[in-house]
C-alpha cells in the first residue's frame, strides 16, 4: 500500500477531516505546479520558523509522520506558511488549507491538511 495513502487514512481517522493531498514540486516543473505556487502565494496567512512549526503545529508523533516531508526538506532560510483558500471556495466545496514550504520565494512542497 502506498505510504501516502496510509498517511491520508491515518490523518482522516485521527482528525475526521477530509483526506489530504501531498504535492511535491521539486524536480520538473509543470503548468499545474506554477498554478499551485500562485494560489498558495495568494492564500498565505501565517508564516512559521521551523522551531515555531514544531512547537505549534507538529505536536505529536503522528503529526511528525504526517509532516515529515516538510521537516525533511526544510533548510536554513526556508519559510513554512499556513495557507487557506478564500471563503467562496469553501462555500462551493472547493476549499483547501494546509502548510507549504518556500525556499527563496519558490514553493518546495505543500501539504493540504483539509479539503472539501
PDB file of N, CA and C in Angstrom:
ATOM      1  N   UNK A   1       0.852  -1.184   0.000  1.00  0.00           N
ATOM      2  CA  UNK A   1       0.000   0.000   0.000  1.00  0.00           C
ATOM      3  C   UNK A   1       0.891   1.238   0.000  1.00  0.00           C
ATOM      4  N   UNK A   2       0.527   2.209  -0.765  1.00  0.00           N
ATOM      5  CA  UNK A   2       1.268   3.458  -0.890  1.00  0.00           C
ATOM      6  C   UNK A   2       1.363   4.158   0.471  1.00  0.00           C
ATOM      7  N   UNK A   3       2.586   4.589   0.850  1.00  0.00           N
ATOM      8  CA  UNK A   3       2.763   5.210   2.166  1.00  0.00           C
ATOM      9  C   UNK A   3       1.962   6.501   2.306  1.00  0.00           C
ATOM     10  N   UNK A   4       1.756   7.242   1.207  1.00  0.00           N
ATOM     11  CA  UNK A   4       0.970   8.466   1.285  1.00  0.00           C
ATOM     12  C   UNK A   4      -0.506   8.159   1.525  1.00  0.00           C
ATOM     13  N   UNK A   5      -0.976   7.075   0.938  1.00  0.00           N
ATOM     14  CA  UNK A   5      -2.353   6.662   1.180  1.00  0.00           C
ATOM     15  C   UNK A   5      -2.547   6.320   2.653  1.00  0.00           C
ATOM     16  N   UNK A   6      -1.571   5.657   3.233  1.00  0.00           N
ATOM     17  CA  UNK A   6      -1.651   5.318   4.650  1.00  0.00           C
ATOM     18  C   UNK A   6      -1.652   6.589   5.491  1.00  0.00           C
ATOM     19  N   UNK A   7      -0.801   7.549   5.149  1.00  0.00           N
ATOM     20  CA  UNK A   7      -0.761   8.816   5.879  1.00  0.00           C
ATOM     21  C   UNK A   7      -2.117   9.513   5.805  1.00  0.00           C
ATOM     22  N   UNK A   8      -2.712   9.526   4.608  1.00  0.00           N
ATOM     23  CA  UNK A   8      -4.026  10.158   4.439  1.00  0.00           C
ATOM     24  C   UNK A   8      -5.070   9.454   5.288  1.00  0.00           C
ATOM     25  N   UNK A   9      -5.055   8.144   5.273  1.00  0.00           N
ATOM     26  CA  UNK A   9      -6.030   7.369   6.020  1.00  0.00           C
ATOM     27  C   UNK A   9      -5.878   7.619   7.515  1.00  0.00           C
ATOM     28  N   UNK A  10      -4.646   7.585   8.017  1.00  0.00           N
ATOM     29  CA  UNK A  10      -4.407   7.826   9.439  1.00  0.00           C
ATOM     30  C   UNK A  10      -4.860   9.230   9.824  1.00  0.00           C
ATOM     31  N   UNK A  11      -4.518  10.226   9.019  1.00  0.00           N
ATOM     32  CA  UNK A  11      -4.923  11.600   9.307  1.00  0.00           C
ATOM     33  C   UNK A  11      -6.447  11.711   9.347  1.00  0.00           C
ATOM     34  N   UNK A  12      -7.108  11.095   8.387  1.00  0.00           N
ATOM     35  CA  UNK A  12      -8.563  11.148   8.341  1.00  0.00           C
ATOM     36  C   UNK A  12      -9.166  10.496   9.583  1.00  0.00           C
ATOM     37  N   UNK A  13      -8.637   9.338   9.971  1.00  0.00           N
ATOM     38  CA  UNK A  13      -9.163   8.637  11.137  1.00  0.00           C
ATOM     39  C   UNK A  13      -8.908   9.410  12.429  1.00  0.00           C
ATOM     40  N   UNK A  14      -7.762  10.074  12.526  1.00  0.00           N
ATOM     41  CA  UNK A  14      -7.426  10.805  13.743  1.00  0.00           C
ATOM     42  C   UNK A  14      -8.177  12.130  13.861  1.00  0.00           C
ATOM     43  N   UNK A  15      -8.408  12.786  12.741  1.00  0.00           N
ATOM     44  CA  UNK A  15      -8.977  14.134  12.806  1.00  0.00           C
ATOM     45  C   UNK A  15     -10.422  14.225  12.342  1.00  0.00           C
ATOM     46  N   UNK A  16     -10.853  13.275  11.535  1.00  0.00           N
ATOM     47  CA  UNK A  16     -12.182  13.356  10.958  1.00  0.00           C
ATOM     48  C   UNK A  16     -12.250  14.323   9.794  1.00  0.00           C
ATOM     49  N   UNK A  17     -11.113  14.908   9.408  1.00  0.00           N
ATOM     50  CA  UNK A  17     -11.071  15.848   8.293  1.00  0.00           C
ATOM     51  C   UNK A  17     -10.997  15.086   6.984  1.00  0.00           C
ATOM     52  N   UNK A  18     -11.229  15.805   5.913  1.00  0.00           N
ATOM     53  CA  UNK A  18     -11.124  15.215   4.590  1.00  0.00           C
ATOM     54  C   UNK A  18      -9.720  14.707   4.347  1.00  0.00           C
ATOM     55  N   UNK A  19      -9.607  13.700   3.515  1.00  0.00           N
ATOM     56  CA  UNK A  19      -8.292  13.176   3.167  1.00  0.00           C
ATOM     57  C   UNK A  19      -7.451  14.291   2.572  1.00  0.00           C
ATOM     58  N   UNK A  20      -6.190  14.294   2.868  1.00  0.00           N
ATOM     59  CA  UNK A  20      -5.296  15.360   2.431  1.00  0.00           C
ATOM     60  C   UNK A  20      -4.513  14.957   1.208  1.00  0.00           C
ATOM     61  N   UNK A  21      -3.962  15.972   0.557  1.00  0.00           N
ATOM     62  CA  UNK A  21      -3.166  15.766  -0.643  1.00  0.00           C
ATOM     63  C   UNK A  21      -1.764  16.281  -0.371  1.00  0.00           C
ATOM     64  N   UNK A  22      -0.771  15.460  -0.658  1.00  0.00           N
ATOM     65  CA  UNK A  22       0.604  15.893  -0.510  1.00  0.00           C
ATOM     66  C   UNK A  22       1.168  16.076  -1.900  1.00  0.00           C
ATOM     67  N   UNK A  23       1.684  17.248  -2.177  1.00  0.00           N
ATOM     68  CA  UNK A  23       2.213  17.548  -3.503  1.00  0.00           C
ATOM     69  C   UNK A  23       3.629  18.065  -3.372  1.00  0.00           C
ATOM     70  N   UNK A  24       4.564  17.406  -4.005  1.00  0.00           N
ATOM     71  CA  UNK A  24       5.929  17.889  -4.045  1.00  0.00           C
ATOM     72  C   UNK A  24       6.135  18.609  -5.355  1.00  0.00           C
ATOM     73  N   UNK A  25       6.789  19.744  -5.318  1.00  0.00           N
ATOM     74  CA  UNK A  25       7.031  20.489  -6.544  1.00  0.00           C
ATOM     75  C   UNK A  25       8.518  20.580  -6.845  1.00  0.00           C
ATOM     76  N   UNK A  26       9.310  19.710  -6.230  1.00  0.00           N
ATOM     77  CA  UNK A  26      10.716  19.663  -6.570  1.00  0.00           C
ATOM     78  C   UNK A  26      10.867  18.959  -7.906  1.00  0.00           C
ATOM     79  N   UNK A  27      11.997  19.165  -8.539  1.00  0.00           N
ATOM     80  CA  UNK A  27      12.257  18.483  -9.802  1.00  0.00           C
ATOM     81  C   UNK A  27      11.639  19.217 -10.960  1.00  0.00           C
ATOM     82  N   UNK A  28      11.038  18.476 -11.875  1.00  0.00           N
ATOM     83  CA  UNK A  28      10.478  19.102 -13.068  1.00  0.00           C
ATOM     84  C   UNK A  28       9.283  19.960 -12.702  1.00  0.00           C
ATOM     85  N   UNK A  29       9.129  21.049 -13.418  1.00  0.00           N
ATOM     86  CA  UNK A  29       8.029  21.969 -13.155  1.00  0.00           C
ATOM     87  C   UNK A  29       7.028  21.877 -14.286  1.00  0.00           C
ATOM     88  N   UNK A  30       5.768  21.851 -13.941  1.00  0.00           N
ATOM     89  CA  UNK A  30       4.714  21.813 -14.946  1.00  0.00           C
ATOM     90  C   UNK A  30       3.809  23.019 -14.762  1.00  0.00           C
ATOM     91  N   UNK A  31       2.883  23.193 -15.678  1.00  0.00           N
ATOM     92  CA  UNK A  31       1.937  24.305 -15.597  1.00  0.00           C
ATOM     93  C   UNK A  31       1.153  24.262 -14.292  1.00  0.00           C
ATOM     94  N   UNK A  32       0.707  23.068 -13.880  1.00  0.00           N
ATOM     95  CA  UNK A  32      -0.091  22.971 -12.654  1.00  0.00           C
ATOM     96  C   UNK A  32       0.736  23.345 -11.431  1.00  0.00           C
ATOM     97  N   UNK A  33       2.037  23.074 -11.453  1.00  0.00           N
ATOM     98  CA  UNK A  33       2.875  23.443 -10.326  1.00  0.00           C
ATOM     99  C   UNK A  33       3.010  24.952 -10.226  1.00  0.00           C
ATOM    100  N   UNK A  34       3.089  25.639 -11.366  1.00  0.00           N
ATOM    101  CA  UNK A  34       3.115  27.097 -11.332  1.00  0.00           C
ATOM    102  C   UNK A  34       1.800  27.617 -10.765  1.00  0.00           C
ATOM    103  N   UNK A  35       0.680  27.002 -11.156  1.00  0.00           N
ATOM    104  CA  UNK A  35      -0.624  27.405 -10.619  1.00  0.00           C
ATOM    105  C   UNK A  35      -0.662  27.200  -9.117  1.00  0.00           C
ATOM    106  N   UNK A  36      -0.146  26.046  -8.637  1.00  0.00           N
ATOM    107  CA  UNK A  36      -0.092  25.798  -7.196  1.00  0.00           C
ATOM    108  C   UNK A  36       0.673  26.911  -6.497  1.00  0.00           C
ATOM    109  N   UNK A  37       1.825  27.282  -7.015  1.00  0.00           N
ATOM    110  CA  UNK A  37       2.628  28.320  -6.374  1.00  0.00           C
ATOM    111  C   UNK A  37       1.877  29.641  -6.342  1.00  0.00           C
ATOM    112  N   UNK A  38       1.239  30.009  -7.427  1.00  0.00           N
ATOM    113  CA  UNK A  38       0.479  31.260  -7.470  1.00  0.00           C
ATOM    114  C   UNK A  38      -0.661  31.241  -6.458  1.00  0.00           C
ATOM    115  N   UNK A  39      -1.390  30.132  -6.401  1.00  0.00           N
ATOM    116  CA  UNK A  39      -2.507  30.034  -5.466  1.00  0.00           C
ATOM    117  C   UNK A  39      -2.031  30.075  -4.026  1.00  0.00           C
ATOM    118  N   UNK A  40      -1.038  29.281  -3.704  1.00  0.00           N
ATOM    119  CA  UNK A  40      -0.543  29.242  -2.330  1.00  0.00           C
ATOM    120  C   UNK A  40      -0.009  30.616  -1.921  1.00  0.00           C
ATOM    121  N   UNK A  41       0.694  31.291  -2.817  1.00  0.00           N
ATOM    122  CA  UNK A  41       1.165  32.653  -2.516  1.00  0.00           C
ATOM    123  C   UNK A  41       0.004  33.575  -2.191  1.00  0.00           C
ATOM    124  N   UNK A  42      -1.088  33.464  -2.929  1.00  0.00           N
ATOM    125  CA  UNK A  42      -2.256  34.320  -2.709  1.00  0.00           C
ATOM    126  C   UNK A  42      -2.983  33.951  -1.414  1.00  0.00           C
ATOM    127  N   UNK A  43      -2.864  32.697  -0.980  1.00  0.00           N
ATOM    128  CA  UNK A  43      -3.603  32.215   0.182  1.00  0.00           C
ATOM    129  C   UNK A  43      -2.794  32.228   1.476  1.00  0.00           C
ATOM    130  N   UNK A  44      -1.533  32.650   1.435  1.00  0.00           N
ATOM    131  CA  UNK A  44      -0.692  32.640   2.634  1.00  0.00           C
ATOM    132  C   UNK A  44      -1.346  33.460   3.746  1.00  0.00           C
ATOM    133  N   UNK A  45      -1.321  32.895   4.969  1.00  0.00           N
ATOM    134  CA  UNK A  45      -1.912  33.613   6.091  1.00  0.00           C
ATOM    135  C   UNK A  45      -0.969  33.790   7.268  1.00  0.00           C
ATOM    136  N   UNK A  46      -0.151  32.800   7.550  1.00  0.00           N
ATOM    137  CA  UNK A  46       0.751  32.902   8.707  1.00  0.00           C
ATOM    138  C   UNK A  46       2.034  32.160   8.400  1.00  0.00           C
ATOM    139  N   UNK A  47       3.158  32.811   8.680  1.00  0.00           N
ATOM    140  CA  UNK A  47       4.452  32.155   8.458  1.00  0.00           C
ATOM    141  C   UNK A  47       4.981  31.595   9.779  1.00  0.00           C
ATOM    142  N   UNK A  48       5.766  30.545   9.643  1.00  0.00           N
ATOM    143  CA  UNK A  48       6.383  29.886  10.790  1.00  0.00           C
ATOM    144  C   UNK A  48       7.864  29.673  10.528  1.00  0.00           C
ATOM    145  N   UNK A  49       8.680  29.918  11.551  1.00  0.00           N
ATOM    146  CA  UNK A  49      10.042  29.410  11.523  1.00  0.00           C
ATOM    147  C   UNK A  49       9.954  27.935  11.911  1.00  0.00           C
ATOM    148  N   UNK A  50      10.977  27.168  11.615  1.00  0.00           N
ATOM    149  CA  UNK A  50      10.934  25.734  11.887  1.00  0.00           C
ATOM    150  C   UNK A  50      10.641  25.450  13.355  1.00  0.00           C
ATOM    151  N   UNK A  51      11.271  26.181  14.256  1.00  0.00           N
ATOM    152  CA  UNK A  51      11.047  25.949  15.691  1.00  0.00           C
ATOM    153  C   UNK A  51       9.589  26.213  16.073  1.00  0.00           C
ATOM    154  N   UNK A  52       8.989  27.249  15.512  1.00  0.00           N
ATOM    155  CA  UNK A  52       7.581  27.552  15.782  1.00  0.00           C
ATOM    156  C   UNK A  52       6.675  26.466  15.209  1.00  0.00           C
ATOM    157  N   UNK A  53       6.976  26.031  13.994  1.00  0.00           N
ATOM    158  CA  UNK A  53       6.185  24.991  13.341  1.00  0.00           C
ATOM    159  C   UNK A  53       6.192  23.713  14.184  1.00  0.00           C
ATOM    160  N   UNK A  54       7.368  23.348  14.674  1.00  0.00           N
ATOM    161  CA  UNK A  54       7.464  22.145  15.510  1.00  0.00           C
ATOM    162  C   UNK A  54       6.703  22.321  16.815  1.00  0.00           C
ATOM    163  N   UNK A  55       6.749  23.518  17.388  1.00  0.00           N
ATOM    164  CA  UNK A  55       6.113  23.751  18.683  1.00  0.00           C
ATOM    165  C   UNK A  55       4.596  23.882  18.587  1.00  0.00           C
ATOM    166  N   UNK A  56       4.093  24.569  17.558  1.00  0.00           N
ATOM    167  CA  UNK A  56       2.666  24.872  17.491  1.00  0.00           C
ATOM    168  C   UNK A  56       1.866  23.949  16.578  1.00  0.00           C
ATOM    169  N   UNK A  57       2.508  23.336  15.592  1.00  0.00           N
ATOM    170  CA  UNK A  57       1.777  22.516  14.619  1.00  0.00           C
ATOM    171  C   UNK A  57       2.088  21.040  14.791  1.00  0.00           C
ATOM    172  N   UNK A  58       3.358  20.716  14.873  1.00  0.00           N
ATOM    173  CA  UNK A  58       3.783  19.317  14.956  1.00  0.00           C
ATOM    174  C   UNK A  58       3.880  18.944  16.429  1.00  0.00           C
ATOM    175  N   UNK A  59       2.748  18.562  17.008  1.00  0.00           N
ATOM    176  CA  UNK A  59       2.683  18.363  18.452  1.00  0.00           C
ATOM    177  C   UNK A  59       2.814  16.909  18.879  1.00  0.00           C
ATOM    178  N   UNK A  60       2.607  15.973  17.980  1.00  0.00           N
ATOM    179  CA  UNK A  60       2.630  14.566  18.365  1.00  0.00           C
ATOM    180  C   UNK A  60       3.450  13.753  17.377  1.00  0.00           C
ATOM    181  N   UNK A  61       3.659  12.496  17.715  1.00  0.00           N
ATOM    182  CA  UNK A  61       4.405  11.610  16.829  1.00  0.00           C
ATOM    183  C   UNK A  61       3.662  11.407  15.510  1.00  0.00           C
ATOM    184  N   UNK A  62       2.338  11.325  15.566  1.00  0.00           N
ATOM    185  CA  UNK A  62       1.576  11.168  14.319  1.00  0.00           C
ATOM    186  C   UNK A  62       1.689  12.427  13.456  1.00  0.00           C
ATOM    187  N   UNK A  63       1.758  13.613  14.087  1.00  0.00           N
ATOM    188  CA  UNK A  63       1.980  14.850  13.335  1.00  0.00           C
ATOM    189  C   UNK A  63       3.350  14.824  12.667  1.00  0.00           C
ATOM    190  N   UNK A  64       4.368  14.331  13.373  1.00  0.00           N
ATOM    191  CA  UNK A  64       5.710  14.254  12.808  1.00  0.00           C
ATOM    192  C   UNK A  64       5.721  13.366  11.575  1.00  0.00           C
ATOM    193  N   UNK A  65       4.997  12.264  11.632  1.00  0.00           N
ATOM    194  CA  UNK A  65       4.929  11.366  10.477  1.00  0.00           C
ATOM    195  C   UNK A  65       4.199  12.028   9.325  1.00  0.00           C
ATOM    196  N   UNK A  66       3.118  12.744   9.633  1.00  0.00           N
ATOM    197  CA  UNK A  66       2.333  13.384   8.580  1.00  0.00           C
ATOM    198  C   UNK A  66       3.114  14.506   7.910  1.00  0.00           C
ATOM    199  N   UNK A  67       3.830  15.293   8.693  1.00  0.00           N
ATOM    200  CA  UNK A  67       4.559  16.449   8.165  1.00  0.00           C
ATOM    201  C   UNK A  67       6.035  16.145   7.887  1.00  0.00           C
ATOM    202  N   UNK A  68       6.401  14.873   7.819  1.00  0.00           N
ATOM    203  CA  UNK A  68       7.816  14.528   7.680  1.00  0.00           C
ATOM    204  C   UNK A  68       8.458  15.129   6.436  1.00  0.00           C
ATOM    205  N   UNK A  69       7.722  15.285   5.353  1.00  0.00           N
ATOM    206  CA  UNK A  69       8.305  15.850   4.128  1.00  0.00           C
ATOM    207  C   UNK A  69       8.756  17.300   4.353  1.00  0.00           C
ATOM    208  N   UNK A  70       7.936  18.077   5.025  1.00  0.00           N
ATOM    209  CA  UNK A  70       8.325  19.459   5.308  1.00  0.00           C
ATOM    210  C   UNK A  70       9.540  19.463   6.232  1.00  0.00           C
ATOM    211  N   UNK A  71       9.501  18.635   7.264  1.00  0.00           N
ATOM    212  CA  UNK A  71      10.606  18.596   8.219  1.00  0.00           C
ATOM    213  C   UNK A  71      11.893  18.124   7.550  1.00  0.00           C
ATOM    214  N   UNK A  72      11.801  17.127   6.672  1.00  0.00           N
ATOM    215  CA  UNK A  72      12.986  16.586   5.989  1.00  0.00           C
ATOM    216  C   UNK A  72      13.562  17.549   4.964  1.00  0.00           C
ATOM    217  N   UNK A  73      12.702  18.276   4.257  1.00  0.00           N
ATOM    218  CA  UNK A  73      13.158  19.158   3.180  1.00  0.00           C
ATOM    219  C   UNK A  73      13.581  20.549   3.659  1.00  0.00           C
ATOM    220  N   UNK A  74      13.189  20.923   4.873  1.00  0.00           N
ATOM    221  CA  UNK A  74      13.474  22.259   5.383  1.00  0.00           C
ATOM    222  C   UNK A  74      14.978  22.505   5.466  1.00  0.00           C
ATOM    223  N   UNK A  75      15.396  23.673   4.982  1.00  0.00           N
ATOM    224  CA  UNK A  75      16.794  24.123   5.043  1.00  0.00           C
ATOM    225  C   UNK A  75      16.831  25.497   5.705  1.00  0.00           C
ATOM    226  N   UNK A  76      17.976  25.861   6.204  1.00  0.00           N
ATOM    227  CA  UNK A  76      18.133  27.167   6.831  1.00  0.00           C
ATOM    228  C   UNK A  76      17.694  28.254   5.845  1.00  0.00           C
ATOM    229  N   UNK A  77      16.874  29.182   6.321  1.00  0.00           N
ATOM    230  CA  UNK A  77      16.385  30.269   5.479  1.00  0.00           C
ATOM    231  C   UNK A  77      15.023  30.000   4.863  1.00  0.00           C
ATOM    232  N   UNK A  78      14.559  28.747   4.899  1.00  0.00           N
ATOM    233  CA  UNK A  78      13.237  28.419   4.359  1.00  0.00           C
ATOM    234  C   UNK A  78      12.148  28.955   5.276  1.00  0.00           C
ATOM    235  N   UNK A  79      10.960  29.139   4.720  1.00  0.00           N
ATOM    236  CA  UNK A  79       9.803  29.592   5.483  1.00  0.00           C
ATOM    237  C   UNK A  79       8.655  28.616   5.286  1.00  0.00           C
ATOM    238  N   UNK A  80       7.970  28.327   6.362  1.00  0.00           N
ATOM    239  CA  UNK A  80       6.777  27.481   6.311  1.00  0.00           C
ATOM    240  C   UNK A  80       5.571  28.401   6.478  1.00  0.00           C
ATOM    241  N   UNK A  81       4.600  28.250   5.585  1.00  0.00           N
ATOM    242  CA  UNK A  81       3.405  29.089   5.607  1.00  0.00           C
ATOM    243  C   UNK A  81       2.157  28.233   5.808  1.00  0.00           C
ATOM    244  N   UNK A  82       1.237  28.735   6.638  1.00  0.00           N
ATOM    245  CA  UNK A  82      -0.116  28.187   6.677  1.00  0.00           C
ATOM    246  C   UNK A  82      -0.887  28.914   5.588  1.00  0.00           C
ATOM    247  N   UNK A  83      -1.646  28.175   4.788  1.00  0.00           N
ATOM    248  CA  UNK A  83      -2.464  28.806   3.755  1.00  0.00           C
ATOM    249  C   UNK A  83      -3.900  28.302   3.866  1.00  0.00           C
ATOM    250  N   UNK A  84      -4.814  29.124   3.397  1.00  0.00           N
ATOM    251  CA  UNK A  84      -6.230  28.765   3.397  1.00  0.00           C
ATOM    252  C   UNK A  84      -6.895  29.485   2.228  1.00  0.00           C
ATOM    253  N   UNK A  85      -7.639  28.740   1.440  1.00  0.00           N
ATOM    254  CA  UNK A  85      -8.312  29.348   0.298  1.00  0.00           C
ATOM    255  C   UNK A  85      -9.453  30.248   0.783  1.00  0.00           C
ATOM    256  N   UNK A  86      -9.911  31.163  -0.059  1.00  0.00           N
ATOM    257  CA  UNK A  86     -10.968  32.107   0.331  1.00  0.00           C
ATOM    258  C   UNK A  86     -12.291  31.410   0.673  1.00  0.00           C
ATOM    259  N   UNK A  87     -13.124  32.113   1.425  1.00  0.00           N
ATOM    260  CA  UNK A  87     -14.399  31.541   1.890  1.00  0.00           C
ATOM    261  C   UNK A  87     -15.289  31.094   0.733  1.00  0.00           C
ATOM    262  N   UNK A  88     -15.200  31.775  -0.412  1.00  0.00           N
ATOM    263  CA  UNK A  88     -16.027  31.380  -1.554  1.00  0.00           C
ATOM    264  C   UNK A  88     -15.711  29.954  -2.006  1.00  0.00           C
ATOM    265  N   UNK A  89     -14.430  29.561  -1.902  1.00  0.00           N
ATOM    266  CA  UNK A  89     -14.060  28.205  -2.326  1.00  0.00           C
ATOM    267  C   UNK A  89     -14.637  27.168  -1.379  1.00  0.00           C
ATOM    268  N   UNK A  90     -14.721  27.508  -0.095  1.00  0.00           N
ATOM    269  CA  UNK A  90     -15.305  26.574   0.883  1.00  0.00           C
ATOM    270  C   UNK A  90     -16.814  26.466   0.660  1.00  0.00           C
ATOM    271  N   UNK A  91     -17.443  27.585   0.345  1.00  0.00           N
ATOM    272  CA  UNK A  91     -18.884  27.570   0.090  1.00  0.00           C
ATOM    273  C   UNK A  91     -19.231  26.730  -1.135  1.00  0.00           C
ATOM    274  N   UNK A  92     -18.317  26.677  -2.095  1.00  0.00           N
ATOM    275  CA  UNK A  92     -18.536  25.901  -3.323  1.00  0.00           C
ATOM    276  C   UNK A  92     -17.923  24.501  -3.236  1.00  0.00           C
ATOM    277  N   UNK A  93     -17.554  24.086  -2.003  1.00  0.00           N
ATOM    278  CA  UNK A  93     -16.963  22.770  -1.742  1.00  0.00           C
ATOM    279  C   UNK A  93     -15.675  22.539  -2.530  1.00  0.00           C
ATOM    280  N   UNK A  94     -14.883  23.611  -2.659  1.00  0.00           N
ATOM    281  CA  UNK A  94     -13.595  23.514  -3.341  1.00  0.00           C
ATOM    282  C   UNK A  94     -12.480  24.106  -2.471  1.00  0.00           C
ATOM    283  N   UNK A  95     -12.723  24.241  -1.173  1.00  0.00           N
ATOM    284  CA  UNK A  95     -11.757  24.861  -0.286  1.00  0.00           C
ATOM    285  C   UNK A  95     -10.630  23.926   0.099  1.00  0.00           C
ATOM    286  N   UNK A  96      -9.528  24.542   0.494  1.00  0.00           N
ATOM    287  CA  UNK A  96      -8.397  23.770   0.996  1.00  0.00           C
ATOM    288  C   UNK A  96      -7.532  24.652   1.874  1.00  0.00           C
ATOM    289  N   UNK A  97      -6.884  23.998   2.819  1.00  0.00           N
ATOM    290  CA  UNK A  97      -5.916  24.687   3.661  1.00  0.00           C
ATOM    291  C   UNK A  97      -4.814  23.703   4.005  1.00  0.00           C
ATOM    292  N   UNK A  98      -3.696  24.253   4.440  1.00  0.00           N
ATOM    293  CA  UNK A  98      -2.576  23.392   4.790  1.00  0.00           C
ATOM    294  C   UNK A  98      -1.323  24.199   5.018  1.00  0.00           C
ATOM    295  N   UNK A  99      -0.191  23.540   4.817  1.00  0.00           N
ATOM    296  CA  UNK A  99       1.102  24.149   5.063  1.00  0.00           C
ATOM    297  C   UNK A  99       1.987  23.979   3.835  1.00  0.00           C
ATOM    298  N   UNK A 100       2.820  24.995   3.583  1.00  0.00           N
ATOM    299  CA  UNK A 100       3.701  24.974   2.422  1.00  0.00           C
ATOM    300  C   UNK A 100       5.090  25.432   2.828  1.00  0.00           C
ATOM    301  N   UNK A 101       6.081  24.808   2.225  1.00  0.00           N
ATOM    302  CA  UNK A 101       7.472  25.156   2.446  1.00  0.00           C
ATOM    303  C   UNK A 101       7.980  25.952   1.258  1.00  0.00           C
ATOM    304  N   UNK A 102       8.513  27.148   1.534  1.00  0.00           N
ATOM    305  CA  UNK A 102       9.057  28.017   0.490  1.00  0.00           C
ATOM    306  C   UNK A 102      10.554  28.204   0.705  1.00  0.00           C
ATOM    307  N   UNK A 103      11.283  28.188  -0.395  1.00  0.00           N
ATOM    308  CA  UNK A 103      12.725  28.447  -0.381  1.00  0.00           C
ATOM    309  C   UNK A 103      13.017  29.499  -1.435  1.00  0.00           C
ATOM    310  N   UNK A 104      13.593  30.623  -1.002  1.00  0.00           N
ATOM    311  CA  UNK A 104      13.902  31.725  -1.921  1.00  0.00           C
ATOM    312  C   UNK A 104      12.694  32.122  -2.759  1.00  0.00           C
ATOM    313  N   UNK A 105      11.514  32.141  -2.133  1.00  0.00           N
ATOM    314  CA  UNK A 105      10.301  32.553  -2.816  1.00  0.00           C
ATOM    315  C   UNK A 105       9.655  31.495  -3.690  1.00  0.00           C
ATOM    316  N   UNK A 106      10.238  30.300  -3.760  1.00  0.00           N
ATOM    317  CA  UNK A 106       9.671  29.233  -4.590  1.00  0.00           C
ATOM    318  C   UNK A 106       9.056  28.151  -3.713  1.00  0.00           C
ATOM    319  N   UNK A 107       7.906  27.667  -4.147  1.00  0.00           N
ATOM    320  CA  UNK A 107       7.228  26.589  -3.453  1.00  0.00           C
ATOM    321  C   UNK A 107       8.030  25.300  -3.608  1.00  0.00           C
ATOM    322  N   UNK A 108       8.367  24.676  -2.486  1.00  0.00           N
ATOM    323  CA  UNK A 108       9.098  23.413  -2.498  1.00  0.00           C
ATOM    324  C   UNK A 108       8.122  22.250  -2.341  1.00  0.00           C
ATOM    325  N   UNK A 109       7.246  22.360  -1.353  1.00  0.00           N
ATOM    326  CA  UNK A 109       6.242  21.314  -1.108  1.00  0.00           C
ATOM    327  C   UNK A 109       5.056  21.939  -0.407  1.00  0.00           C
ATOM    328  N   UNK A 110       3.877  21.390  -0.659  1.00  0.00           N
ATOM    329  CA  UNK A 110       2.684  21.802   0.086  1.00  0.00           C
ATOM    330  C   UNK A 110       1.989  20.562   0.577  1.00  0.00           C
ATOM    331  N   UNK A 111       1.362  20.675   1.737  1.00  0.00           N
ATOM    332  CA  UNK A 111       0.576  19.591   2.286  1.00  0.00           C
ATOM    333  C   UNK A 111      -0.799  20.148   2.621  1.00  0.00           C
ATOM    334  N   UNK A 112      -1.798  19.712   1.879  1.00  0.00           N
ATOM    335  CA  UNK A 112      -3.170  20.104   2.173  1.00  0.00           C
ATOM    336  C   UNK A 112      -3.619  19.286   3.374  1.00  0.00           C
ATOM    337  N   UNK A 113      -4.029  19.965   4.439  1.00  0.00           N
ATOM    338  CA  UNK A 113      -4.482  19.257   5.631  1.00  0.00           C
ATOM    339  C   UNK A 113      -6.000  19.137   5.684  1.00  0.00           C
ATOM    340  N   UNK A 114      -6.700  20.059   5.026  1.00  0.00           N
ATOM    341  CA  UNK A 114      -8.162  19.986   4.960  1.00  0.00           C
ATOM    342  C   UNK A 114      -8.587  20.383   3.542  1.00  0.00           C
ATOM    343  N   UNK A 115      -9.437  19.556   2.955  1.00  0.00           N
ATOM    344  CA  UNK A 115     -10.054  19.892   1.661  1.00  0.00           C
ATOM    345  C   UNK A 115     -11.526  19.541   1.764  1.00  0.00           C
ATOM    346  N   UNK A 116     -12.341  20.254   0.997  1.00  0.00           N
ATOM    347  CA  UNK A 116     -13.766  19.900   0.979  1.00  0.00           C
ATOM    348  C   UNK A 116     -14.284  19.837  -0.424  1.00  0.00           C
TER     349      UNK A 116
END
